[in-house]
Structures are given as structure tokens and as C-alpha cells.
Protein backbone atom coordinates (compact mmCIF):
# COMPACT_ATOMS: atom_id res chain seq x y z
CA MET A 1 7.11 -33.00 34.24
CA THR A 2 7.75 -29.43 34.14
CA ALA A 3 10.89 -27.95 32.05
CA GLU A 4 12.73 -27.01 35.39
CA THR A 5 12.34 -30.75 36.63
CA GLU A 6 13.65 -32.33 33.39
CA LEU A 7 16.49 -29.51 33.35
CA ARG A 8 17.59 -30.50 37.13
CA ARG A 9 17.36 -34.11 36.16
CA LEU A 10 19.66 -33.43 32.98
CA LEU A 11 22.13 -31.25 35.37
CA ASP A 12 22.30 -34.37 37.99
CA ILE A 13 23.26 -36.80 35.02
CA MET A 14 25.97 -35.03 33.99
CA VAL A 15 27.19 -34.68 37.34
CA ALA A 16 26.93 -38.42 37.86
CA LEU A 17 28.71 -38.95 34.19
CA ARG A 18 31.54 -36.99 35.34
CA ASP A 19 31.70 -38.60 38.74
CA ARG A 20 35.71 -39.30 39.10
CA ALA A 21 34.90 -42.49 41.38
CA SER A 22 31.53 -44.06 39.95
CA GLY A 23 31.01 -42.04 36.54
CA CYS A 24 31.64 -43.14 32.78
CA PRO A 25 35.22 -43.52 32.12
CA TRP A 26 34.81 -41.99 28.51
CA ASP A 27 33.06 -39.05 30.00
CA VAL A 28 35.49 -38.14 32.83
CA ALA A 29 38.18 -38.29 30.59
CA GLN A 30 36.85 -35.58 27.95
CA ASP A 31 37.60 -31.74 28.18
CA PHE A 32 36.65 -28.82 26.28
CA ALA A 33 38.82 -29.37 23.32
CA SER A 34 37.59 -32.86 22.91
CA ILE A 35 33.79 -32.29 23.21
CA ALA A 36 33.79 -29.04 21.00
CA PRO A 37 33.54 -31.33 17.64
CA TYR A 38 30.53 -33.08 19.05
CA THR A 39 28.98 -29.66 19.83
CA ILE A 40 29.41 -28.66 16.23
CA GLU A 41 28.06 -31.90 14.98
CA GLU A 42 25.14 -31.86 17.24
CA ALA A 43 24.32 -28.23 15.86
CA TYR A 44 24.58 -29.71 12.24
CA GLU A 45 22.21 -32.46 13.10
CA VAL A 46 19.69 -29.81 14.52
CA ALA A 47 19.78 -27.83 11.25
CA ASP A 48 19.53 -31.10 9.20
CA ALA A 49 16.52 -32.18 11.06
CA ILE A 50 14.99 -28.70 10.33
CA ALA A 51 15.88 -28.96 6.66
CA ARG A 52 14.43 -32.27 6.27
CA ARG A 53 11.22 -30.89 8.13
CA ASP A 54 11.66 -33.83 10.55
CA PHE A 55 9.93 -32.42 13.63
CA ALA A 56 9.34 -35.72 15.14
CA ALA A 57 13.39 -36.26 15.49
CA LEU A 58 13.66 -32.50 16.22
CA PRO A 59 13.22 -32.68 20.03
CA ASP A 60 15.93 -35.55 20.40
CA GLU A 61 18.48 -33.64 18.28
CA LEU A 62 17.73 -30.54 20.29
CA GLY A 63 18.19 -32.46 23.20
CA ASP A 64 21.53 -33.67 22.11
CA LEU A 65 22.53 -30.05 21.55
CA LEU A 66 21.57 -28.96 25.03
CA PHE A 67 23.42 -31.86 26.53
CA GLN A 68 26.56 -30.18 24.79
CA VAL A 69 25.80 -27.10 26.67
CA VAL A 70 25.39 -28.74 30.00
CA TYR A 71 28.55 -31.18 29.41
CA HIS A 72 30.63 -27.66 28.79
CA ALA A 73 29.13 -26.01 31.85
CA ARG A 74 29.87 -28.86 34.25
CA MET A 75 33.56 -29.13 32.80
CA ALA A 76 33.89 -25.48 33.88
CA GLU A 77 32.04 -25.83 37.13
CA GLU A 78 34.45 -28.68 37.91
CA GLU A 79 37.29 -26.22 37.36
CA GLY A 80 35.68 -23.31 39.45
CA ARG A 81 35.05 -21.14 36.35
CA PHE A 82 31.29 -21.10 35.89
CA ASP A 83 28.19 -23.26 35.89
CA PHE A 84 25.14 -23.94 34.14
CA ALA A 85 23.17 -21.07 35.90
CA GLU A 86 25.88 -18.42 34.88
CA VAL A 87 25.53 -19.69 31.33
CA ALA A 88 21.58 -19.22 31.52
CA ARG A 89 21.78 -15.86 33.16
CA HIS A 90 24.46 -14.45 30.44
CA ILE A 91 22.15 -15.12 27.59
CA ALA A 92 18.98 -13.99 29.47
CA ASP A 93 20.62 -10.60 30.45
CA LYS A 94 22.21 -10.23 26.79
CA MET A 95 18.42 -11.00 25.38
CA VAL A 96 16.80 -8.31 27.57
CA ARG A 97 19.77 -5.93 27.10
CA ARG A 98 19.36 -6.34 23.06
CA HIS A 99 15.57 -5.86 23.18
CA PRO A 100 14.84 -2.64 25.29
CA HIS A 101 11.84 -2.25 22.99
CA VAL A 102 10.38 -5.43 24.61
CA PHE A 103 11.81 -5.45 28.19
CA GLY A 104 12.32 -1.52 28.75
CA GLU A 105 11.31 1.78 27.95
CA ALA A 106 12.41 2.07 24.06
CA ALA A 107 9.80 2.52 21.26
CA ALA A 108 8.59 -0.25 19.41
CA ARG A 109 10.87 -1.13 16.36
CA THR A 110 10.35 -2.55 12.89
CA ALA A 111 12.42 -5.77 12.01
CA GLY A 112 14.91 -3.70 10.15
CA MET A 113 15.07 -1.27 12.83
CA GLN A 114 15.78 -4.04 15.60
CA GLU A 115 18.51 -5.51 13.23
CA ALA A 116 20.31 -2.41 13.22
CA ALA A 117 20.01 -2.04 16.98
CA TRP A 118 20.94 -5.48 17.32
CA GLU A 119 24.21 -4.88 15.58
CA GLU A 120 24.98 -1.70 17.24
CA GLN A 121 24.52 -3.49 20.72
CA LYS A 122 26.90 -6.38 19.53
CA ARG A 123 29.42 -3.52 18.61
CA ALA A 124 29.18 -2.07 21.85
CA GLU A 125 29.77 -5.38 23.43
CA ARG A 126 32.63 -6.21 21.47
CA ALA A 127 34.33 -2.79 22.52
CA ALA A 128 33.49 -3.65 26.09
CA ARG A 129 35.76 -7.08 25.63
CA ALA A 130 38.36 -4.88 23.80
CA GLU A 131 37.99 -6.58 20.62
CA THR A 132 38.89 -3.87 18.00
CA GLY A 133 38.52 -3.55 14.45
CA THR A 134 35.50 -4.15 12.00
CA LEU A 135 35.91 -7.96 11.76
CA ALA A 136 36.39 -8.47 15.46
CA GLY A 137 34.36 -11.43 17.02
CA ILE A 138 33.76 -13.12 13.89
CA PRO A 139 34.54 -16.99 15.12
CA LEU A 140 37.35 -18.81 13.37
CA GLY A 141 35.47 -21.99 14.03
CA LEU A 142 32.44 -21.22 11.88
CA PRO A 143 32.22 -23.08 8.49
CA ALA A 144 34.36 -21.45 6.16
CA LEU A 145 31.45 -20.24 3.66
CA THR A 146 29.44 -18.89 6.37
CA ARG A 147 32.44 -16.98 7.95
CA ALA A 148 33.47 -15.53 4.50
CA GLU A 149 29.74 -14.27 4.18
CA LYS A 150 30.16 -12.73 7.93
CA LEU A 151 33.49 -11.18 7.02
CA THR A 152 32.29 -9.42 3.95
CA ARG A 153 28.84 -8.51 5.32
CA ARG A 154 30.82 -6.70 8.42
CA ALA A 155 33.18 -5.11 5.76
CA ALA A 156 30.28 -3.99 3.81
CA ARG A 157 28.68 -2.22 6.85
CA VAL A 158 31.60 0.62 6.50
CA GLY A 159 31.56 0.76 2.75
CA PHE A 160 34.03 -1.83 1.72
CA ASP A 161 31.59 -3.79 -0.77
CA TRP A 162 30.78 -4.22 -4.49
CA PRO A 163 27.88 -1.95 -5.55
CA ASP A 164 25.95 -4.95 -6.92
CA ALA A 165 25.97 -8.75 -7.84
CA GLU A 166 27.22 -7.64 -11.38
CA ALA A 167 30.13 -6.43 -10.12
CA VAL A 168 30.91 -9.34 -8.12
CA LEU A 169 30.02 -11.58 -11.10
CA ALA A 170 32.78 -9.75 -12.91
CA LYS A 171 35.34 -10.29 -10.14
CA LEU A 172 34.12 -14.17 -10.40
CA ASP A 173 35.15 -14.21 -13.99
CA GLU A 174 38.47 -12.65 -13.02
CA GLU A 175 39.14 -15.11 -10.28
CA VAL A 176 38.08 -18.03 -12.67
CA ALA A 177 40.74 -16.81 -15.11
CA GLU A 178 43.38 -16.86 -12.42
CA LEU A 179 42.29 -20.28 -11.33
CA ARG A 180 42.84 -21.36 -15.03
CA ALA A 181 46.20 -19.70 -15.55
CA GLU A 182 47.53 -21.77 -12.56
CA LEU A 183 46.38 -25.28 -13.94
CA PRO A 184 49.37 -25.91 -16.21
CA GLY A 185 51.76 -25.50 -13.23
CA ALA A 186 49.74 -27.40 -10.93
CA ASP A 187 51.40 -25.80 -7.80
CA PRO A 188 49.11 -27.23 -4.96
CA ALA A 189 50.17 -23.88 -2.81
CA ARG A 190 49.02 -21.75 -5.85
CA LEU A 191 45.64 -23.60 -6.47
CA THR A 192 44.93 -23.53 -2.87
CA ASP A 193 45.07 -19.87 -3.00
CA GLU A 194 43.25 -19.42 -6.16
CA MET A 195 40.56 -21.77 -5.29
CA GLY A 196 40.01 -20.14 -1.92
CA ASP A 197 39.82 -16.70 -3.75
CA LEU A 198 37.09 -18.30 -5.93
CA LEU A 199 35.06 -19.55 -3.17
CA PHE A 200 35.38 -16.42 -1.18
CA VAL A 201 33.91 -14.57 -4.04
CA MET A 202 31.23 -17.04 -4.28
CA ALA A 203 30.23 -16.51 -0.65
CA ASN A 204 30.19 -12.79 -1.29
CA LEU A 205 27.94 -13.19 -4.33
CA ALA A 206 25.52 -15.37 -2.35
CA ARG A 207 25.35 -12.34 0.36
CA LYS A 208 24.82 -9.84 -2.64
CA LEU A 209 21.94 -11.99 -3.76
CA GLY A 210 20.55 -12.15 -0.39
CA LEU A 211 21.26 -15.97 -0.04
CA ASP A 212 22.82 -17.95 2.66
CA PRO A 213 25.96 -19.51 1.01
CA GLU A 214 26.12 -22.42 3.59
CA ARG A 215 22.36 -23.52 2.80
CA CYS A 216 23.11 -22.99 -0.98
CA LEU A 217 25.69 -25.66 -0.79
CA ARG A 218 23.83 -27.97 1.64
CA GLU A 219 20.81 -27.90 -0.79
CA ALA A 220 23.18 -28.72 -3.73
CA ASN A 221 24.94 -31.64 -1.87
CA LEU A 222 21.55 -33.08 -1.10
CA LYS A 223 20.48 -32.67 -5.05
CA PHE A 224 23.53 -34.25 -5.90
CA ALA A 225 23.09 -37.26 -3.59
CA ARG A 226 19.47 -37.69 -4.60
CA ARG A 227 20.15 -37.76 -8.40
CA PHE A 228 23.49 -39.81 -7.98
CA GLY A 229 21.14 -42.30 -5.86
CA GLU A 230 18.68 -42.42 -8.84
CA VAL A 231 21.56 -43.11 -11.13
CA GLU A 232 22.51 -46.17 -8.83
CA ARG A 233 18.77 -47.16 -8.70
CA ARG A 234 18.36 -47.18 -12.72
CA LEU A 235 21.84 -49.11 -13.12
CA ALA A 236 20.58 -51.68 -10.23
CA GLU A 237 17.63 -52.45 -12.41
CA THR A 238 19.72 -53.83 -14.99
CA GLY A 239 22.08 -55.64 -12.35
CA ARG A 240 24.89 -53.22 -12.40
CA THR A 241 26.75 -50.51 -10.40
CA PRO A 242 28.31 -47.30 -11.31
CA ALA A 243 31.72 -49.28 -11.56
CA ASP A 244 30.08 -51.42 -14.37
CA ALA A 245 28.91 -48.54 -16.14
CA THR A 246 30.56 -45.93 -18.44
CA LEU A 247 30.68 -42.06 -17.84
CA ASP A 248 28.23 -41.62 -20.88
CA GLU A 249 25.94 -44.05 -19.39
CA MET A 250 25.73 -42.38 -15.86
CA GLU A 251 25.63 -39.13 -17.24
CA ALA A 252 22.40 -40.28 -19.46
CA HIS A 253 20.85 -41.68 -16.34
CA TRP A 254 21.95 -38.52 -14.59
CA GLN A 255 19.95 -36.21 -17.07
CA ASP A 256 17.07 -38.47 -16.81
CA ALA A 257 16.71 -38.19 -13.27
CA LYS A 258 17.27 -34.39 -13.52
CA ARG A 259 14.62 -34.19 -16.00
CA ALA A 260 12.24 -36.39 -13.86
CA GLU A 261 12.70 -33.98 -10.87
CA ARG A 262 11.84 -30.81 -12.93
CA GLY A 263 8.64 -32.55 -14.64
């Protein structure tokens, strides 16, 4: 089967699911707001399959994500706003517009030159949409660490940036001290504010080091889950669970798991 045939089949399935008379009641009841969280979830599942290098599962996860696009496009078509063809046309036109060195007369570019040209094109597109300001167009719905990295990266382009990672580390020490100073009072609002500042600086530090803060935290999450699972496994060998163990025992197993990984 061709890609065109399978895509047409998927579009027709979506029409059937949303049919007011014979479709699925759950699918008929959905709207943009109710489907949006699923769209985000499916994007994360694609990223998860890639992180695990589970390429056997990736077609299925990509299909789930494609279905989300089809879902939104169908709801928009029902309301007379746009359809899937317009969605595809918009992205195709954008890619051609942003790659004149491939599809037009522009000279060949290095990767760095292309990144700069891409950002300039995006700036022009934001201006055409009347989105003004250096930080315009950075979605509010992004994961917080990712948005922090993008905000600081955008600000850095106009010179609002620390000179190097050492300067960010100094700021990090300052934010840690400010958070520590709020601990005795334990005011939730103040702690939230200071904790937010600390995380924001951490995201900025990752950017200065050339790292993706979201990926750093995802990998730390995986590492924690893996090591804690090993703690549970070691306790289970003696017929126990973490609830039965002392903190010192669990810490000892944790350190063993850590040494085993590094070894």
C-alpha cells in the first residue's frame, strides 16, 4: 500500500469516528481542548521510544501522533476552519520557504549558516503575524524546562546573557542561598518563587553547556527509576520491601547499584 492510500484510509476512519449519527460517542464528544493533552502525551511517547531505541515500537507511536494531527484537522474541517490538506500545505510551503538553498536559487549553506537563516525566517514570520518582542512565539504549553531554555536562548541573541557557564554557576549559588534563606519561614509562595528561580537558572546553565535541560532531567529520571528498582530487587531477595527497610539499608543498596552501573 502507498503512503497516499494509507493516509486517505486514516482520514476516512477519522470521518467515520466523528460521524454524529453512526460514529463513536467518545470521539464525537471531543473538542480541541480535550484532545490537546493526548497530543502532548503522544509526542512524549514518540520521544520515549526514540530514547529507548525501540525502533520496532516507533511506527506505532508515530502513528498515534499522526492520528492526533488528523483528529485536530477533522474537527477544524467540521467547523469550516481548515482541513488536513491545508495543514500539509502550510508545513510544505514553510519548509520550501525556509530552505531556499535546496528549493530555490540561494547558495549552499553550512549547518550553522542554515540555523541562522532559519531563525531569521522565523523572525520574519512572527513579524508577519504581528507577534512583536524578542520572546514572541515561544509557546506557553512547552514543558517548563524546555521553555526556560528557549526563553534564555532567544534573549541571548540580543545580548542578554551571561558570558559563560562559570557566571551562571555563580548565579546558581546565589539562588541556592536565597532558597535556603526562605526555609525557616516555609512560606509556600516564597518557596515556589525561589524554587522557580533556581530551576530557571539550571535550565540556563544547561544551555550554556550545550545541553538540553529536558533531556538531562529525563535521563536523571530514568537513572533514578533504574537504581531504585535495583534497591527493590535486592531487598526482595531477602523477602522484604522498601517499607520494611531502614533508610540506611536502602542507601547501602543504592550505592551498590551505583557502583555496579559504573563498573
